[in-house]
Amino acid sequence: MRAANFKAMKSTVSSGDTLPLIYSFGSDNTPRKIQGSIKKQGVDYQQAKVAVFNKANMGLVRILRPNSDGSYVVRGLNKDLTLFVVAFDDQMKFNAVIQDMVVPK
């Protein structure tokens, strides 16, 4: 098995802050994505921050905000990553929620 060729990339969060995106796909990998939705008591919720981490080394992959319908997508991920996703309520009325063992498809 060949090691993936990781490249440093830049990504912009909707607030305008630029964060380094640590993991990208190598030349022999097809880019993959993860997607999901944020809900608060069963209703689509956009007032949150979504943080995506690499499970292997706890490295931050991306921080983003969900769309108006509560959905989010992170594209351009290496197929070999295993991730976990944490969503934080901007209003701080609810605890953070986590989805573990997320694999790009």
PDB file of N, CA and C in Angstrom:
ATOM      1  N   MET A   1       0.841  -1.178   0.000  1.00  0.00           N
ATOM      2  CA  MET A   1       0.000   0.000   0.000  1.00  0.00           C
ATOM      3  C   MET A   1       0.886   1.241   0.000  1.00  0.00           C
ATOM      4  N   ARG A   2       0.662   2.142  -0.927  1.00  0.00           N
ATOM      5  CA  ARG A   2       1.440   3.376  -1.017  1.00  0.00           C
ATOM      6  C   ARG A   2       0.932   4.412  -0.038  1.00  0.00           C
ATOM      7  N   ALA A   3       1.831   5.196   0.482  1.00  0.00           N
ATOM      8  CA  ALA A   3       1.437   6.284   1.369  1.00  0.00           C
ATOM      9  C   ALA A   3       0.779   7.383   0.543  1.00  0.00           C
ATOM     10  N   ALA A   4      -0.223   8.006   1.112  1.00  0.00           N
ATOM     11  CA  ALA A   4      -0.917   9.094   0.417  1.00  0.00           C
ATOM     12  C   ALA A   4      -0.002  10.306   0.330  1.00  0.00           C
ATOM     13  N   ASN A   5      -0.166  11.060  -0.719  1.00  0.00           N
ATOM     14  CA  ASN A   5       0.604  12.273  -0.936  1.00  0.00           C
ATOM     15  C   ASN A   5      -0.210  13.453  -0.432  1.00  0.00           C
ATOM     16  N   PHE A   6      -0.004  13.858   0.831  1.00  0.00           N
ATOM     17  CA  PHE A   6      -0.781  14.943   1.404  1.00  0.00           C
ATOM     18  C   PHE A   6      -0.183  16.284   1.020  1.00  0.00           C
ATOM     19  N   LYS A   7      -1.067  17.242   0.779  1.00  0.00           N
ATOM     20  CA  LYS A   7      -0.652  18.593   0.423  1.00  0.00           C
ATOM     21  C   LYS A   7      -1.357  19.567   1.351  1.00  0.00           C
ATOM     22  N   ALA A   8      -0.694  20.636   1.735  1.00  0.00           N
ATOM     23  CA  ALA A   8      -1.329  21.675   2.539  1.00  0.00           C
ATOM     24  C   ALA A   8      -2.178  22.534   1.623  1.00  0.00           C
ATOM     25  N   MET A   9      -3.378  22.847   2.071  1.00  0.00           N
ATOM     26  CA  MET A   9      -4.288  23.676   1.294  1.00  0.00           C
ATOM     27  C   MET A   9      -4.836  24.751   2.206  1.00  0.00           C
ATOM     28  N   LYS A  10      -5.438  25.784   1.634  1.00  0.00           N
ATOM     29  CA  LYS A  10      -6.109  26.819   2.411  1.00  0.00           C
ATOM     30  C   LYS A  10      -7.603  26.679   2.205  1.00  0.00           C
ATOM     31  N   SER A  11      -8.361  26.959   3.248  1.00  0.00           N
ATOM     32  CA  SER A  11      -9.810  26.910   3.172  1.00  0.00           C
ATOM     33  C   SER A  11     -10.352  28.130   3.890  1.00  0.00           C
ATOM     34  N   THR A  12     -11.441  28.688   3.410  1.00  0.00           N
ATOM     35  CA  THR A  12     -12.022  29.869   4.023  1.00  0.00           C
ATOM     36  C   THR A  12     -13.320  29.508   4.725  1.00  0.00           C
ATOM     37  N   VAL A  13     -13.427  29.898   5.980  1.00  0.00           N
ATOM     38  CA  VAL A  13     -14.646  29.716   6.755  1.00  0.00           C
ATOM     39  C   VAL A  13     -15.564  30.877   6.410  1.00  0.00           C
ATOM     40  N   SER A  14     -16.882  30.694   6.542  1.00  0.00           N
ATOM     41  CA  SER A  14     -17.817  31.728   6.126  1.00  0.00           C
ATOM     42  C   SER A  14     -17.604  33.057   6.839  1.00  0.00           C
ATOM     43  N   SER A  15     -16.969  33.060   7.991  1.00  0.00           N
ATOM     44  CA  SER A  15     -16.709  34.321   8.681  1.00  0.00           C
ATOM     45  C   SER A  15     -15.583  35.105   8.015  1.00  0.00           C
ATOM     46  N   GLY A  16     -14.874  34.476   7.060  1.00  0.00           N
ATOM     47  CA  GLY A  16     -13.785  35.150   6.370  1.00  0.00           C
ATOM     48  C   GLY A  16     -12.417  34.758   6.882  1.00  0.00           C
ATOM     49  N   ASP A  17     -12.354  34.057   8.039  1.00  0.00           N
ATOM     50  CA  ASP A  17     -11.071  33.605   8.565  1.00  0.00           C
ATOM     51  C   ASP A  17     -10.514  32.503   7.672  1.00  0.00           C
ATOM     52  N   THR A  18      -9.216  32.498   7.460  1.00  0.00           N
ATOM     53  CA  THR A  18      -8.591  31.449   6.665  1.00  0.00           C
ATOM     54  C   THR A  18      -7.885  30.479   7.587  1.00  0.00           C
ATOM     55  N   LEU A  19      -8.187  29.194   7.405  1.00  0.00           N
ATOM     56  CA  LEU A  19      -7.582  28.150   8.221  1.00  0.00           C
ATOM     57  C   LEU A  19      -6.844  27.180   7.323  1.00  0.00           C
ATOM     58  N   PRO A  20      -5.734  26.605   7.793  1.00  0.00           N
ATOM     59  CA  PRO A  20      -5.072  25.588   6.972  1.00  0.00           C
ATOM     60  C   PRO A  20      -5.903  24.320   6.931  1.00  0.00           C
ATOM     61  N   LEU A  21      -6.051  23.754   5.765  1.00  0.00           N
ATOM     62  CA  LEU A  21      -6.727  22.470   5.624  1.00  0.00           C
ATOM     63  C   LEU A  21      -5.618  21.447   5.505  1.00  0.00           C
ATOM     64  N   ILE A  22      -5.491  20.585   6.474  1.00  0.00           N
ATOM     65  CA  ILE A  22      -4.315  19.738   6.619  1.00  0.00           C
ATOM     66  C   ILE A  22      -4.299  18.582   5.635  1.00  0.00           C
ATOM     67  N   TYR A  23      -5.432  18.030   5.299  1.00  0.00           N
ATOM     68  CA  TYR A  23      -5.455  16.807   4.521  1.00  0.00           C
ATOM     69  C   TYR A  23      -6.123  17.022   3.180  1.00  0.00           C
ATOM     70  N   SER A  24      -5.456  16.638   2.123  1.00  0.00           N
ATOM     71  CA  SER A  24      -6.076  16.632   0.807  1.00  0.00           C
ATOM     72  C   SER A  24      -5.806  15.279   0.190  1.00  0.00           C
ATOM     73  N   PHE A  25      -6.270  15.081  -1.014  1.00  0.00           N
ATOM     74  CA  PHE A  25      -6.096  13.780  -1.656  1.00  0.00           C
ATOM     75  C   PHE A  25      -4.802  13.761  -2.452  1.00  0.00           C
ATOM     76  N   GLY A  26      -4.189  12.597  -2.527  1.00  0.00           N
ATOM     77  CA  GLY A  26      -2.985  12.421  -3.326  1.00  0.00           C
ATOM     78  C   GLY A  26      -3.345  12.165  -4.777  1.00  0.00           C
ATOM     79  N   SER A  27      -2.344  12.087  -5.625  1.00  0.00           N
ATOM     80  CA  SER A  27      -2.588  11.925  -7.053  1.00  0.00           C
ATOM     81  C   SER A  27      -3.229  10.577  -7.391  1.00  0.00           C
ATOM     82  N   ASP A  28      -3.077   9.578  -6.519  1.00  0.00           N
ATOM     83  CA  ASP A  28      -3.656   8.265  -6.802  1.00  0.00           C
ATOM     84  C   ASP A  28      -4.986   8.032  -6.076  1.00  0.00           C
ATOM     85  N   ASN A  29      -5.526   9.038  -5.442  1.00  0.00           N
ATOM     86  CA  ASN A  29      -6.781   8.907  -4.717  1.00  0.00           C
ATOM     87  C   ASN A  29      -7.870   9.761  -5.357  1.00  0.00           C
ATOM     88  N   THR A  30      -9.061   9.250  -5.415  1.00  0.00           N
ATOM     89  CA  THR A  30     -10.205  10.020  -5.870  1.00  0.00           C
ATOM     90  C   THR A  30     -10.710  10.840  -4.700  1.00  0.00           C
ATOM     91  N   PRO A  31     -10.928  12.147  -4.873  1.00  0.00           N
ATOM     92  CA  PRO A  31     -11.426  12.957  -3.757  1.00  0.00           C
ATOM     93  C   PRO A  31     -12.812  12.493  -3.307  1.00  0.00           C
ATOM     94  N   ARG A  32     -13.005  12.495  -2.020  1.00  0.00           N
ATOM     95  CA  ARG A  32     -14.268  12.064  -1.430  1.00  0.00           C
ATOM     96  C   ARG A  32     -14.848  13.203  -0.612  1.00  0.00           C
ATOM     97  N   LYS A  33     -16.029  12.976  -0.060  1.00  0.00           N
ATOM     98  CA  LYS A  33     -16.674  14.000   0.749  1.00  0.00           C
ATOM     99  C   LYS A  33     -17.392  13.359   1.923  1.00  0.00           C
ATOM    100  N   ILE A  34     -17.698  14.204   2.906  1.00  0.00           N
ATOM    101  CA  ILE A  34     -18.622  13.830   3.962  1.00  0.00           C
ATOM    102  C   ILE A  34     -19.739  14.858   3.931  1.00  0.00           C
ATOM    103  N   GLN A  35     -20.908  14.454   4.330  1.00  0.00           N
ATOM    104  CA  GLN A  35     -22.022  15.389   4.393  1.00  0.00           C
ATOM    105  C   GLN A  35     -22.953  14.981   5.510  1.00  0.00           C
ATOM    106  N   GLY A  36     -23.710  15.934   5.998  1.00  0.00           N
ATOM    107  CA  GLY A  36     -24.640  15.649   7.080  1.00  0.00           C
ATOM    108  C   GLY A  36     -25.557  16.828   7.286  1.00  0.00           C
ATOM    109  N   SER A  37     -26.308  16.781   8.363  1.00  0.00           N
ATOM    110  CA  SER A  37     -27.196  17.886   8.694  1.00  0.00           C
ATOM    111  C   SER A  37     -27.229  18.072  10.204  1.00  0.00           C
ATOM    112  N   ILE A  38     -27.467  19.300  10.596  1.00  0.00           N
ATOM    113  CA  ILE A  38     -27.545  19.670  11.999  1.00  0.00           C
ATOM    114  C   ILE A  38     -29.014  19.899  12.321  1.00  0.00           C
ATOM    115  N   LYS A  39     -29.481  19.262  13.381  1.00  0.00           N
ATOM    116  CA  LYS A  39     -30.856  19.436  13.825  1.00  0.00           C
ATOM    117  C   LYS A  39     -30.858  19.747  15.309  1.00  0.00           C
ATOM    118  N   LYS A  40     -31.794  20.588  15.716  1.00  0.00           N
ATOM    119  CA  LYS A  40     -31.965  20.919  17.125  1.00  0.00           C
ATOM    120  C   LYS A  40     -33.384  20.513  17.487  1.00  0.00           C
ATOM    121  N   GLN A  41     -33.528  19.508  18.298  1.00  0.00           N
ATOM    122  CA  GLN A  41     -34.809  18.936  18.691  1.00  0.00           C
ATOM    123  C   GLN A  41     -35.639  18.560  17.457  1.00  0.00           C
ATOM    124  N   GLY A  42     -34.964  17.947  16.466  1.00  0.00           N
ATOM    125  CA  GLY A  42     -35.625  17.441  15.275  1.00  0.00           C
ATOM    126  C   GLY A  42     -35.874  18.450  14.169  1.00  0.00           C
ATOM    127  N   VAL A  43     -35.467  19.697  14.365  1.00  0.00           N
ATOM    128  CA  VAL A  43     -35.698  20.757  13.374  1.00  0.00           C
ATOM    129  C   VAL A  43     -34.351  21.197  12.805  1.00  0.00           C
ATOM    130  N   ASP A  44     -34.291  21.409  11.470  1.00  0.00           N
ATOM    131  CA  ASP A  44     -33.058  21.886  10.835  1.00  0.00           C
ATOM    132  C   ASP A  44     -32.540  23.112  11.564  1.00  0.00           C
ATOM    133  N   TYR A  45     -31.215  23.157  11.753  1.00  0.00           N
ATOM    134  CA  TYR A  45     -30.616  24.202  12.588  1.00  0.00           C
ATOM    135  C   TYR A  45     -29.336  24.711  11.946  1.00  0.00           C
ATOM    136  N   GLN A  46     -29.247  26.018  11.738  1.00  0.00           N
ATOM    137  CA  GLN A  46     -28.074  26.594  11.096  1.00  0.00           C
ATOM    138  C   GLN A  46     -27.180  27.376  12.054  1.00  0.00           C
ATOM    139  N   GLN A  47     -27.618  27.637  13.259  1.00  0.00           N
ATOM    140  CA  GLN A  47     -26.822  28.437  14.186  1.00  0.00           C
ATOM    141  C   GLN A  47     -25.864  27.551  14.971  1.00  0.00           C
ATOM    142  N   ALA A  48     -24.915  26.975  14.239  1.00  0.00           N
ATOM    143  CA  ALA A  48     -23.956  26.049  14.836  1.00  0.00           C
ATOM    144  C   ALA A  48     -22.616  26.184  14.128  1.00  0.00           C
ATOM    145  N   LYS A  49     -21.607  25.647  14.755  1.00  0.00           N
ATOM    146  CA  LYS A  49     -20.294  25.488  14.117  1.00  0.00           C
ATOM    147  C   LYS A  49     -20.037  23.990  14.029  1.00  0.00           C
ATOM    148  N   VAL A  50     -19.501  23.555  12.894  1.00  0.00           N
ATOM    149  CA  VAL A  50     -19.185  22.150  12.672  1.00  0.00           C
ATOM    150  C   VAL A  50     -17.676  22.035  12.539  1.00  0.00           C
ATOM    151  N   ALA A  51     -17.062  21.208  13.354  1.00  0.00           N
ATOM    152  CA  ALA A  51     -15.616  20.982  13.304  1.00  0.00           C
ATOM    153  C   ALA A  51     -15.369  19.523  12.914  1.00  0.00           C
ATOM    154  N   VAL A  52     -14.486  19.326  11.929  1.00  0.00           N
ATOM    155  CA  VAL A  52     -14.161  17.995  11.431  1.00  0.00           C
ATOM    156  C   VAL A  52     -12.707  17.698  11.794  1.00  0.00           C
ATOM    157  N   PHE A  53     -12.454  16.548  12.424  1.00  0.00           N
ATOM    158  CA  PHE A  53     -11.130  16.169  12.888  1.00  0.00           C
ATOM    159  C   PHE A  53     -10.718  14.821  12.308  1.00  0.00           C
ATOM    160  N   ASN A  54      -9.415  14.656  12.104  1.00  0.00           N
ATOM    161  CA  ASN A  54      -8.834  13.368  11.735  1.00  0.00           C
ATOM    162  C   ASN A  54      -8.728  12.536  13.008  1.00  0.00           C
ATOM    163  N   LYS A  55      -9.339  11.370  13.013  1.00  0.00           N
ATOM    164  CA  LYS A  55      -9.338  10.528  14.217  1.00  0.00           C
ATOM    165  C   LYS A  55      -7.943  10.000  14.557  1.00  0.00           C
ATOM    166  N   ALA A  56      -7.107   9.755  13.559  1.00  0.00           N
ATOM    167  CA  ALA A  56      -5.790   9.158  13.783  1.00  0.00           C
ATOM    168  C   ALA A  56      -4.878  10.047  14.614  1.00  0.00           C
ATOM    169  N   ASN A  57      -4.919  11.358  14.396  1.00  0.00           N
ATOM    170  CA  ASN A  57      -3.989  12.246  15.102  1.00  0.00           C
ATOM    171  C   ASN A  57      -4.662  13.454  15.742  1.00  0.00           C
ATOM    172  N   MET A  58      -6.004  13.468  15.739  1.00  0.00           N
ATOM    173  CA  MET A  58      -6.792  14.557  16.334  1.00  0.00           C
ATOM    174  C   MET A  58      -6.586  15.888  15.622  1.00  0.00           C
ATOM    175  N   GLY A  59      -6.054  15.862  14.399  1.00  0.00           N
ATOM    176  CA  GLY A  59      -5.812  17.088  13.645  1.00  0.00           C
ATOM    177  C   GLY A  59      -7.104  17.684  13.113  1.00  0.00           C
ATOM    178  N   LEU A  60      -7.209  19.008  13.219  1.00  0.00           N
ATOM    179  CA  LEU A  60      -8.367  19.716  12.686  1.00  0.00           C
ATOM    180  C   LEU A  60      -8.304  19.707  11.168  1.00  0.00           C
ATOM    181  N   VAL A  61      -9.383  19.275  10.521  1.00  0.00           N
ATOM    182  CA  VAL A  61      -9.459  19.235   9.073  1.00  0.00           C
ATOM    183  C   VAL A  61     -10.196  20.459   8.552  1.00  0.00           C
ATOM    184  N   ARG A  62     -11.305  20.826   9.187  1.00  0.00           N
ATOM    185  CA  ARG A  62     -12.094  21.950   8.691  1.00  0.00           C
ATOM    186  C   ARG A  62     -13.074  22.413   9.746  1.00  0.00           C
ATOM    187  N   ILE A  63     -13.346  23.711   9.773  1.00  0.00           N
ATOM    188  CA  ILE A  63     -14.427  24.292  10.573  1.00  0.00           C
ATOM    189  C   ILE A  63     -15.356  24.990   9.595  1.00  0.00           C
ATOM    190  N   LEU A  64     -16.647  24.767   9.746  1.00  0.00           N
ATOM    191  CA  LEU A  64     -17.604  25.396   8.838  1.00  0.00           C
ATOM    192  C   LEU A  64     -18.928  25.631   9.529  1.00  0.00           C
ATOM    193  N   ARG A  65     -19.801  26.351   8.852  1.00  0.00           N
ATOM    194  CA  ARG A  65     -21.165  26.575   9.322  1.00  0.00           C
ATOM    195  C   ARG A  65     -22.124  25.843   8.386  1.00  0.00           C
ATOM    196  N   PRO A  66     -23.204  25.299   8.942  1.00  0.00           N
ATOM    197  CA  PRO A  66     -24.176  24.641   8.076  1.00  0.00           C
ATOM    198  C   PRO A  66     -24.920  25.646   7.198  1.00  0.00           C
ATOM    199  N   ASN A  67     -25.486  25.152   6.095  1.00  0.00           N
ATOM    200  CA  ASN A  67     -26.322  25.971   5.226  1.00  0.00           C
ATOM    201  C   ASN A  67     -27.622  26.315   5.946  1.00  0.00           C
ATOM    202  N   SER A  68     -28.466  27.130   5.327  1.00  0.00           N
ATOM    203  CA  SER A  68     -29.718  27.568   5.954  1.00  0.00           C
ATOM    204  C   SER A  68     -30.646  26.402   6.281  1.00  0.00           C
ATOM    205  N   ASP A  69     -30.511  25.276   5.567  1.00  0.00           N
ATOM    206  CA  ASP A  69     -31.341  24.106   5.856  1.00  0.00           C
ATOM    207  C   ASP A  69     -30.669  23.152   6.853  1.00  0.00           C
ATOM    208  N   GLY A  70     -29.548  23.565   7.445  1.00  0.00           N
ATOM    209  CA  GLY A  70     -28.843  22.753   8.434  1.00  0.00           C
ATOM    210  C   GLY A  70     -27.853  21.767   7.844  1.00  0.00           C
ATOM    211  N   SER A  71     -27.762  21.690   6.513  1.00  0.00           N
ATOM    212  CA  SER A  71     -26.860  20.720   5.874  1.00  0.00           C
ATOM    213  C   SER A  71     -25.437  21.262   5.767  1.00  0.00           C
ATOM    214  N   TYR A  72     -24.488  20.342   5.682  1.00  0.00           N
ATOM    215  CA  TYR A  72     -23.095  20.717   5.453  1.00  0.00           C
ATOM    216  C   TYR A  72     -22.434  19.662   4.573  1.00  0.00           C
ATOM    217  N   VAL A  73     -21.391  20.080   3.847  1.00  0.00           N
ATOM    218  CA  VAL A  73     -20.619  19.178   2.998  1.00  0.00           C
ATOM    219  C   VAL A  73     -19.156  19.593   3.111  1.00  0.00           C
ATOM    220  N   VAL A  74     -18.269  18.623   3.254  1.00  0.00           N
ATOM    221  CA  VAL A  74     -16.822  18.852   3.204  1.00  0.00           C
ATOM    222  C   VAL A  74     -16.301  18.000   2.064  1.00  0.00           C
ATOM    223  N   ARG A  75     -15.777  18.633   1.031  1.00  0.00           N
ATOM    224  CA  ARG A  75     -15.316  17.937  -0.170  1.00  0.00           C
ATOM    225  C   ARG A  75     -13.790  17.866  -0.207  1.00  0.00           C
ATOM    226  N   GLY A  76     -13.276  17.029  -1.106  1.00  0.00           N
ATOM    227  CA  GLY A  76     -11.844  16.967  -1.348  1.00  0.00           C
ATOM    228  C   GLY A  76     -11.064  16.210  -0.293  1.00  0.00           C
ATOM    229  N   LEU A  77     -11.703  15.242   0.346  1.00  0.00           N
ATOM    230  CA  LEU A  77     -11.044  14.476   1.406  1.00  0.00           C
ATOM    231  C   LEU A  77     -10.431  13.195   0.862  1.00  0.00           C
ATOM    232  N   ASN A  78      -9.357  12.774   1.486  1.00  0.00           N
ATOM    233  CA  ASN A  78      -8.701  11.512   1.136  1.00  0.00           C
ATOM    234  C   ASN A  78      -9.600  10.354   1.560  1.00  0.00           C
ATOM    235  N   LYS A  79      -9.713   9.359   0.701  1.00  0.00           N
ATOM    236  CA  LYS A  79     -10.590   8.209   0.966  1.00  0.00           C
ATOM    237  C   LYS A  79     -10.133   7.375   2.159  1.00  0.00           C
ATOM    238  N   ASP A  80      -8.879   7.500   2.566  1.00  0.00           N
ATOM    239  CA  ASP A  80      -8.340   6.684   3.652  1.00  0.00           C
ATOM    240  C   ASP A  80      -8.498   7.310   5.037  1.00  0.00           C
ATOM    241  N   LEU A  81      -9.064   8.492   5.125  1.00  0.00           N
ATOM    242  CA  LEU A  81      -9.235   9.150   6.419  1.00  0.00           C
ATOM    243  C   LEU A  81     -10.401   8.543   7.194  1.00  0.00           C
ATOM    244  N   THR A  82     -10.262   8.522   8.507  1.00  0.00           N
ATOM    245  CA  THR A  82     -11.371   8.262   9.411  1.00  0.00           C
ATOM    246  C   THR A  82     -11.504   9.519  10.256  1.00  0.00           C
ATOM    247  N   LEU A  83     -12.689  10.066  10.316  1.00  0.00           N
ATOM    248  CA  LEU A  83     -12.912  11.381  10.916  1.00  0.00           C
ATOM    249  C   LEU A  83     -13.909  11.299  12.062  1.00  0.00           C
ATOM    250  N   PHE A  84     -13.951  12.378  12.850  1.00  0.00           N
ATOM    251  CA  PHE A  84     -15.084  12.583  13.742  1.00  0.00           C
ATOM    252  C   PHE A  84     -15.521  14.028  13.599  1.00  0.00           C
ATOM    253  N   VAL A  85     -16.826  14.244  13.724  1.00  0.00           N
ATOM    254  CA  VAL A  85     -17.440  15.552  13.494  1.00  0.00           C
ATOM    255  C   VAL A  85     -18.083  16.009  14.789  1.00  0.00           C
ATOM    256  N   VAL A  86     -17.817  17.266  15.166  1.00  0.00           N
ATOM    257  CA  VAL A  86     -18.391  17.839  16.381  1.00  0.00           C
ATOM    258  C   VAL A  86     -19.188  19.079  15.984  1.00  0.00           C
ATOM    259  N   ALA A  87     -20.428  19.195  16.465  1.00  0.00           N
ATOM    260  CA  ALA A  87     -21.262  20.367  16.211  1.00  0.00           C
ATOM    261  C   ALA A  87     -21.504  21.104  17.522  1.00  0.00           C
ATOM    262  N   PHE A  88     -21.309  22.424  17.479  1.00  0.00           N
ATOM    263  CA  PHE A  88     -21.467  23.272  18.655  1.00  0.00           C
ATOM    264  C   PHE A  88     -22.633  24.235  18.438  1.00  0.00           C
ATOM    265  N   ASP A  89     -23.493  24.373  19.427  1.00  0.00           N
ATOM    266  CA  ASP A  89     -24.618  25.304  19.384  1.00  0.00           C
ATOM    267  C   ASP A  89     -24.104  26.718  19.650  1.00  0.00           C
ATOM    268  N   ASP A  90     -24.306  27.646  18.689  1.00  0.00           N
ATOM    269  CA  ASP A  90     -23.863  29.035  18.866  1.00  0.00           C
ATOM    270  C   ASP A  90     -24.542  29.704  20.060  1.00  0.00           C
ATOM    271  N   GLN A  91     -25.763  29.314  20.365  1.00  0.00           N
ATOM    272  CA  GLN A  91     -26.505  29.937  21.470  1.00  0.00           C
ATOM    273  C   GLN A  91     -26.134  29.324  22.822  1.00  0.00           C
ATOM    274  N   MET A  92     -25.318  28.285  22.802  1.00  0.00           N
ATOM    275  CA  MET A  92     -24.820  27.620  24.003  1.00  0.00           C
ATOM    276  C   MET A  92     -25.926  27.151  24.942  1.00  0.00           C
ATOM    277  N   LYS A  93     -27.041  26.716  24.367  1.00  0.00           N
ATOM    278  CA  LYS A  93     -28.134  26.163  25.171  1.00  0.00           C
ATOM    279  C   LYS A  93     -28.080  24.641  25.206  1.00  0.00           C
ATOM    280  N   PHE A  94     -27.349  24.052  24.241  1.00  0.00           N
ATOM    281  CA  PHE A  94     -27.239  22.606  24.157  1.00  0.00           C
ATOM    282  C   PHE A  94     -25.775  22.207  24.134  1.00  0.00           C
ATOM    283  N   ASN A  95     -25.466  21.037  24.680  1.00  0.00           N
ATOM    284  CA  ASN A  95     -24.109  20.517  24.640  1.00  0.00           C
ATOM    285  C   ASN A  95     -23.720  20.176  23.212  1.00  0.00           C
ATOM    286  N   ALA A  96     -22.437  20.112  22.959  1.00  0.00           N
ATOM    287  CA  ALA A  96     -21.932  19.702  21.649  1.00  0.00           C
ATOM    288  C   ALA A  96     -22.347  18.251  21.384  1.00  0.00           C
ATOM    289  N   VAL A  97     -22.498  17.925  20.096  1.00  0.00           N
ATOM    290  CA  VAL A  97     -22.786  16.551  19.692  1.00  0.00           C
ATOM    291  C   VAL A  97     -21.667  16.081  18.799  1.00  0.00           C
ATOM    292  N   ILE A  98     -21.416  14.772  18.803  1.00  0.00           N
ATOM    293  CA  ILE A  98     -20.305  14.213  18.047  1.00  0.00           C
ATOM    294  C   ILE A  98     -20.780  13.013  17.230  1.00  0.00           C
ATOM    295  N   GLN A  99     -20.237  12.904  16.032  1.00  0.00           N
ATOM    296  CA  GLN A  99     -20.419  11.699  15.198  1.00  0.00           C
ATOM    297  C   GLN A  99     -19.033  11.124  14.982  1.00  0.00           C
ATOM    298  N   ASP A 100     -18.813   9.909  15.425  1.00  0.00           N
ATOM    299  CA  ASP A 100     -17.503   9.276  15.364  1.00  0.00           C
ATOM    300  C   ASP A 100     -17.443   8.276  14.214  1.00  0.00           C
ATOM    301  N   MET A 101     -16.221   7.943  13.789  1.00  0.00           N
ATOM    302  CA  MET A 101     -15.965   6.943  12.762  1.00  0.00           C
ATOM    303  C   MET A 101     -16.604   7.314  11.415  1.00  0.00           C
ATOM    304  N   VAL A 102     -16.491   8.566  11.021  1.00  0.00           N
ATOM    305  CA  VAL A 102     -17.022   9.056   9.750  1.00  0.00           C
ATOM    306  C   VAL A 102     -15.974   8.818   8.672  1.00  0.00           C
ATOM    307  N   VAL A 103     -16.359   8.182   7.567  1.00  0.00           N
ATOM    308  CA  VAL A 103     -15.444   7.851   6.478  1.00  0.00           C
ATOM    309  C   VAL A 103     -15.910   8.556   5.208  1.00  0.00           C
ATOM    310  N   PRO A 104     -15.020   9.313   4.540  1.00  0.00           N
ATOM    311  CA  PRO A 104     -15.415   9.978   3.292  1.00  0.00           C
ATOM    312  C   PRO A 104     -15.852   8.984   2.236  1.00  0.00           C
ATOM    313  N   LYS A 105     -16.885   9.346   1.494  1.00  0.00           N
ATOM    314  CA  LYS A 105     -17.415   8.489   0.421  1.00  0.00           C
ATOM    315  C   LYS A 105     -17.525   9.273  -0.863  1.00  0.00           C
TER     316      LYS A 105
END
